C-alpha atoms as a PDB file:
ATOM      1  CA  UNK A   1      46.951 -79.411 -97.500  1.00  0.00           C
ATOM      2  CA  UNK A   2      48.244 -83.017 -97.619  1.00  0.00           C
ATOM      3  CA  UNK A   3      45.679 -85.763 -98.166  1.00  0.00           C
ATOM      4  CA  UNK A   4      44.154 -87.179 -95.001  1.00  0.00           C
ATOM      5  CA  UNK A   5      45.293 -90.668 -93.993  1.00  0.00           C
ATOM      6  CA  UNK A   6      42.596 -93.258 -93.435  1.00  0.00           C
ATOM      7  CA  UNK A   7      41.758 -93.432 -89.758  1.00  0.00           C
ATOM      8  CA  UNK A   8      39.787 -96.686 -89.607  1.00  0.00           C
ATOM      9  CA  UNK A   9      41.674 -99.745 -88.384  1.00  0.00           C
ATOM     10  CA  UNK A  10      40.475-103.266 -89.097  1.00  0.00           C
ATOM     11  CA  UNK A  11      41.350-106.767 -87.908  1.00  0.00           C
ATOM     12  CA  UNK A  12      41.336-109.238 -90.761  1.00  0.00           C
ATOM     13  CA  UNK A  13      38.550-111.817 -90.522  1.00  0.00           C
ATOM     14  CA  UNK A  14      36.618-109.990 -87.775  1.00  0.00           C
ATOM     15  CA  UNK A  15      33.497-107.887 -88.285  1.00  0.00           C
ATOM     16  CA  UNK A  16      30.834-106.262 -86.170  1.00  0.00           C
ATOM     17  CA  UNK A  17      28.205-108.294 -88.008  1.00  0.00           C
ATOM     18  CA  UNK A  18      26.191-106.049 -90.287  1.00  0.00           C
ATOM     19  CA  UNK A  19      27.136-102.883 -88.393  1.00  0.00           C
ATOM     20  CA  UNK A  20      29.366-100.504 -90.386  1.00  0.00           C
ATOM     21  CA  UNK A  21      31.828-100.098 -87.512  1.00  0.00           C
ATOM     22  CA  UNK A  22      35.635-100.327 -87.801  1.00  0.00           C
ATOM     23  CA  UNK A  23      37.542-102.216 -85.122  1.00  0.00           C
ATOM     24  CA  UNK A  24      39.293 -98.995 -84.199  1.00  0.00           C
ATOM     25  CA  UNK A  25      40.362 -95.553 -85.282  1.00  0.00           C
ATOM     26  CA  UNK A  26      43.634 -93.661 -85.206  1.00  0.00           C
ATOM     27  CA  UNK A  27      43.964 -89.902 -85.324  1.00  0.00           C
ATOM     28  CA  UNK A  28      47.456 -88.536 -84.833  1.00  0.00           C
ATOM     29  CA  UNK A  29      49.123 -90.522 -82.080  1.00  0.00           C
ATOM     30  CA  UNK A  30      45.822 -91.643 -80.481  1.00  0.00           C
ATOM     31  CA  UNK A  31      44.116 -95.009 -81.029  1.00  0.00           C
ATOM     32  CA  UNK A  32      40.615 -95.818 -79.815  1.00  0.00           C
ATOM     33  CA  UNK A  33      39.099 -99.229 -80.290  1.00  0.00           C
ATOM     34  CA  UNK A  34      35.539-100.229 -80.820  1.00  0.00           C
ATOM     35  CA  UNK A  35      34.441-103.276 -78.866  1.00  0.00           C
ATOM     36  CA  UNK A  36      37.042-105.999 -79.434  1.00  0.00           C
ATOM     37  CA  UNK A  37      35.294-109.328 -79.124  1.00  0.00           C
ATOM     38  CA  UNK A  38      36.630-112.861 -79.127  1.00  0.00           C
ATOM     39  CA  UNK A  39      35.475-113.986 -82.556  1.00  0.00           C
ATOM     40  CA  UNK A  40      37.439-116.727 -84.279  1.00  0.00           C
ATOM     41  CA  UNK A  41      39.098-115.078 -87.313  1.00  0.00           C
ATOM     42  CA  UNK A  42      38.846-118.345 -89.281  1.00  0.00           C
ATOM     43  CA  UNK A  43      35.056-118.043 -89.479  1.00  0.00           C
ATOM     44  CA  UNK A  44      34.076-114.754 -87.729  1.00  0.00           C
ATOM     45  CA  UNK A  45      32.013-116.592 -85.095  1.00  0.00           C
ATOM     46  CA  UNK A  46      32.181-116.619 -81.313  1.00  0.00           C
ATOM     47  CA  UNK A  47      33.524-119.799 -79.723  1.00  0.00           C
ATOM     48  CA  UNK A  48      31.230-121.141 -77.010  1.00  0.00           C
ATOM     49  CA  UNK A  49      33.907-121.134 -74.291  1.00  0.00           C
ATOM     50  CA  UNK A  50      35.242-118.124 -72.424  1.00  0.00           C
ATOM     51  CA  UNK A  51      38.889-119.265 -72.582  1.00  0.00           C
ATOM     52  CA  UNK A  52      38.875-119.214 -76.387  1.00  0.00           C
ATOM     53  CA  UNK A  53      37.044-115.891 -76.484  1.00  0.00           C
ATOM     54  CA  UNK A  54      39.577-114.349 -74.084  1.00  0.00           C
ATOM     55  CA  UNK A  55      42.481-115.680 -76.165  1.00  0.00           C
ATOM     56  CA  UNK A  56      40.996-114.234 -79.361  1.00  0.00           C
ATOM     57  CA  UNK A  57      40.213-110.865 -77.712  1.00  0.00           C
ATOM     58  CA  UNK A  58      43.869-110.303 -76.884  1.00  0.00           C
ATOM     59  CA  UNK A  59      45.027-111.731 -80.222  1.00  0.00           C
ATOM     60  CA  UNK A  60      42.780-109.168 -81.941  1.00  0.00           C
ATOM     61  CA  UNK A  61      44.126-106.431 -79.681  1.00  0.00           C
ATOM     62  CA  UNK A  62      47.673-107.205 -80.835  1.00  0.00           C
ATOM     63  CA  UNK A  63      46.560-107.257 -84.490  1.00  0.00           C
ATOM     64  CA  UNK A  64      44.652-103.980 -84.135  1.00  0.00           C
ATOM     65  CA  UNK A  65      47.685-102.305 -82.601  1.00  0.00           C
ATOM     66  CA  UNK A  66      50.058-103.704 -85.233  1.00  0.00           C
ATOM     67  CA  UNK A  67      47.709-102.544 -88.023  1.00  0.00           C
ATOM     68  CA  UNK A  68      47.700 -99.082 -86.445  1.00  0.00           C
ATOM     69  CA  UNK A  69      51.501 -98.916 -86.191  1.00  0.00           C
ATOM     70  CA  UNK A  70      51.506 -99.441 -82.429  1.00  0.00           C
ATOM     71  CA  UNK A  71      52.184-102.125 -79.824  1.00  0.00           C
ATOM     72  CA  UNK A  72      51.066-103.185 -76.362  1.00  0.00           C
ATOM     73  CA  UNK A  73      53.535-100.632 -74.966  1.00  0.00           C
ATOM     74  CA  UNK A  74      51.250 -97.883 -76.250  1.00  0.00           C
ATOM     75  CA  UNK A  75      48.064 -99.041 -74.473  1.00  0.00           C
ATOM     76  CA  UNK A  76      47.161 -96.683 -71.626  1.00  0.00           C
ATOM     77  CA  UNK A  77      43.625 -97.797 -70.741  1.00  0.00           C
ATOM     78  CA  UNK A  78      41.563-100.965 -71.095  1.00  0.00           C
ATOM     79  CA  UNK A  79      37.891-101.314 -70.286  1.00  0.00           C
ATOM     80  CA  UNK A  80      36.849-104.965 -70.044  1.00  0.00           C
ATOM     81  CA  UNK A  81      33.271-106.171 -70.146  1.00  0.00           C
ATOM     82  CA  UNK A  82      32.596-109.684 -68.865  1.00  0.00           C
ATOM     83  CA  UNK A  83      29.363-111.676 -68.773  1.00  0.00           C
ATOM     84  CA  UNK A  84      29.953-112.760 -65.163  1.00  0.00           C
ATOM     85  CA  UNK A  85      32.747-113.060 -62.629  1.00  0.00           C
ATOM     86  CA  UNK A  86      33.603-116.603 -63.740  1.00  0.00           C
ATOM     87  CA  UNK A  87      35.217-115.019 -66.813  1.00  0.00           C
ATOM     88  CA  UNK A  88      37.462-112.699 -64.785  1.00  0.00           C
ATOM     89  CA  UNK A  89      40.237-115.264 -64.200  1.00  0.00           C
ATOM     90  CA  UNK A  90      40.374-116.111 -67.930  1.00  0.00           C
ATOM     91  CA  UNK A  91      40.625-112.396 -68.674  1.00  0.00           C
ATOM     92  CA  UNK A  92      43.469-112.115 -66.152  1.00  0.00           C
ATOM     93  CA  UNK A  93      45.402-115.006 -67.731  1.00  0.00           C
ATOM     94  CA  UNK A  94      45.507-113.177 -71.068  1.00  0.00           C
ATOM     95  CA  UNK A  95      46.058-109.808 -69.353  1.00  0.00           C
ATOM     96  CA  UNK A  96      49.153-111.111 -67.559  1.00  0.00           C
ATOM     97  CA  UNK A  97      50.495-112.628 -70.783  1.00  0.00           C
ATOM     98  CA  UNK A  98      50.248-109.201 -72.448  1.00  0.00           C
ATOM     99  CA  UNK A  99      51.283-107.101 -69.458  1.00  0.00           C
ATOM    100  CA  UNK A 100      53.496-109.253 -67.186  1.00  0.00           C
ATOM    101  CA  UNK A 101      55.313-106.386 -65.420  1.00  0.00           C
ATOM    102  CA  UNK A 102      53.163-105.074 -62.540  1.00  0.00           C
ATOM    103  CA  UNK A 103      54.964-101.729 -62.810  1.00  0.00           C
ATOM    104  CA  UNK A 104      54.258-101.339 -66.533  1.00  0.00           C
ATOM    105  CA  UNK A 105      50.563-102.036 -67.092  1.00  0.00           C
ATOM    106  CA  UNK A 106      47.850 -99.835 -68.519  1.00  0.00           C
ATOM    107  CA  UNK A 107      44.927 -98.782 -66.357  1.00  0.00           C
ATOM    108  CA  UNK A 108      42.011-101.225 -66.467  1.00  0.00           C
ATOM    109  CA  UNK A 109      38.379-101.171 -65.455  1.00  0.00           C
ATOM    110  CA  UNK A 110      36.324-104.374 -65.572  1.00  0.00           C
ATOM    111  CA  UNK A 111      32.529-104.291 -65.735  1.00  0.00           C
ATOM    112  CA  UNK A 112      30.245-107.272 -65.237  1.00  0.00           C
ATOM    113  CA  UNK A 113      27.374-106.764 -67.672  1.00  0.00           C
ATOM    114  CA  UNK A 114      24.930-108.565 -69.903  1.00  0.00           C
ATOM    115  CA  UNK A 115      26.708-108.943 -73.250  1.00  0.00           C
ATOM    116  CA  UNK A 116      24.874-109.603 -76.531  1.00  0.00           C
ATOM    117  CA  UNK A 117      24.364-113.104 -77.897  1.00  0.00           C
ATOM    118  CA  UNK A 118      27.013-115.643 -76.952  1.00  0.00           C
ATOM    119  CA  UNK A 119      29.630-112.992 -76.142  1.00  0.00           C
ATOM    120  CA  UNK A 120      31.342-113.581 -72.790  1.00  0.00           C
ATOM    121  CA  UNK A 121      34.105-110.967 -72.925  1.00  0.00           C
ATOM    122  CA  UNK A 122      34.817-107.750 -74.796  1.00  0.00           C
ATOM    123  CA  UNK A 123      37.387-104.993 -74.356  1.00  0.00           C
ATOM    124  CA  UNK A 124      37.903-101.407 -75.478  1.00  0.00           C
ATOM    125  CA  UNK A 125      41.279 -99.706 -75.417  1.00  0.00           C
ATOM    126  CA  UNK A 126      42.899 -96.315 -75.680  1.00  0.00           C
ATOM    127  CA  UNK A 127      46.507 -96.130 -76.838  1.00  0.00           C
ATOM    128  CA  UNK A 128      48.943 -93.261 -77.239  1.00  0.00           C
ATOM    129  CA  UNK A 129      51.498 -94.157 -79.883  1.00  0.00           C
ATOM    130  CA  UNK A 130      55.059 -93.419 -78.896  1.00  0.00           C
ATOM    131  CA  UNK A 131      57.894 -93.027 -81.407  1.00  0.00           C
ATOM    132  CA  UNK A 132      59.229 -96.457 -80.433  1.00  0.00           C
ATOM    133  CA  UNK A 133      57.336 -99.523 -79.262  1.00  0.00           C
ATOM    134  CA  UNK A 134      58.948-102.728 -78.052  1.00  0.00           C
ATOM    135  CA  UNK A 135      56.218-105.084 -76.832  1.00  0.00           C
ATOM    136  CA  UNK A 136      53.956-106.714 -79.430  1.00  0.00           C
END
């Protein structure tokens, strides 16, 4: 039996605090993320503003996918958690930058919920890796 490949996927500079949780996992052609938050990778802290957090969330999504051998083309589902509806438009700005074609977007569900600490936005994704990916 061949040796098993590591399945944990990390994003450099970003942690889940003291929790021993990877940013994502890949098994076969499937990728599942943990909660992807908008921490600044320069210092692993959350910026105070929602626009910066949203920008970092989608930057980390791209990095996670790249580290897993995938791209935005492979994302099939996104669950977004936002602190309140004022964050929704900032989420949509980044969403449209990643997925500009209305006929080629993953499914998305957005939940308004109380997020921990200073977190204003967080996403989880599911991706199915195809043999070729074009969007990054």
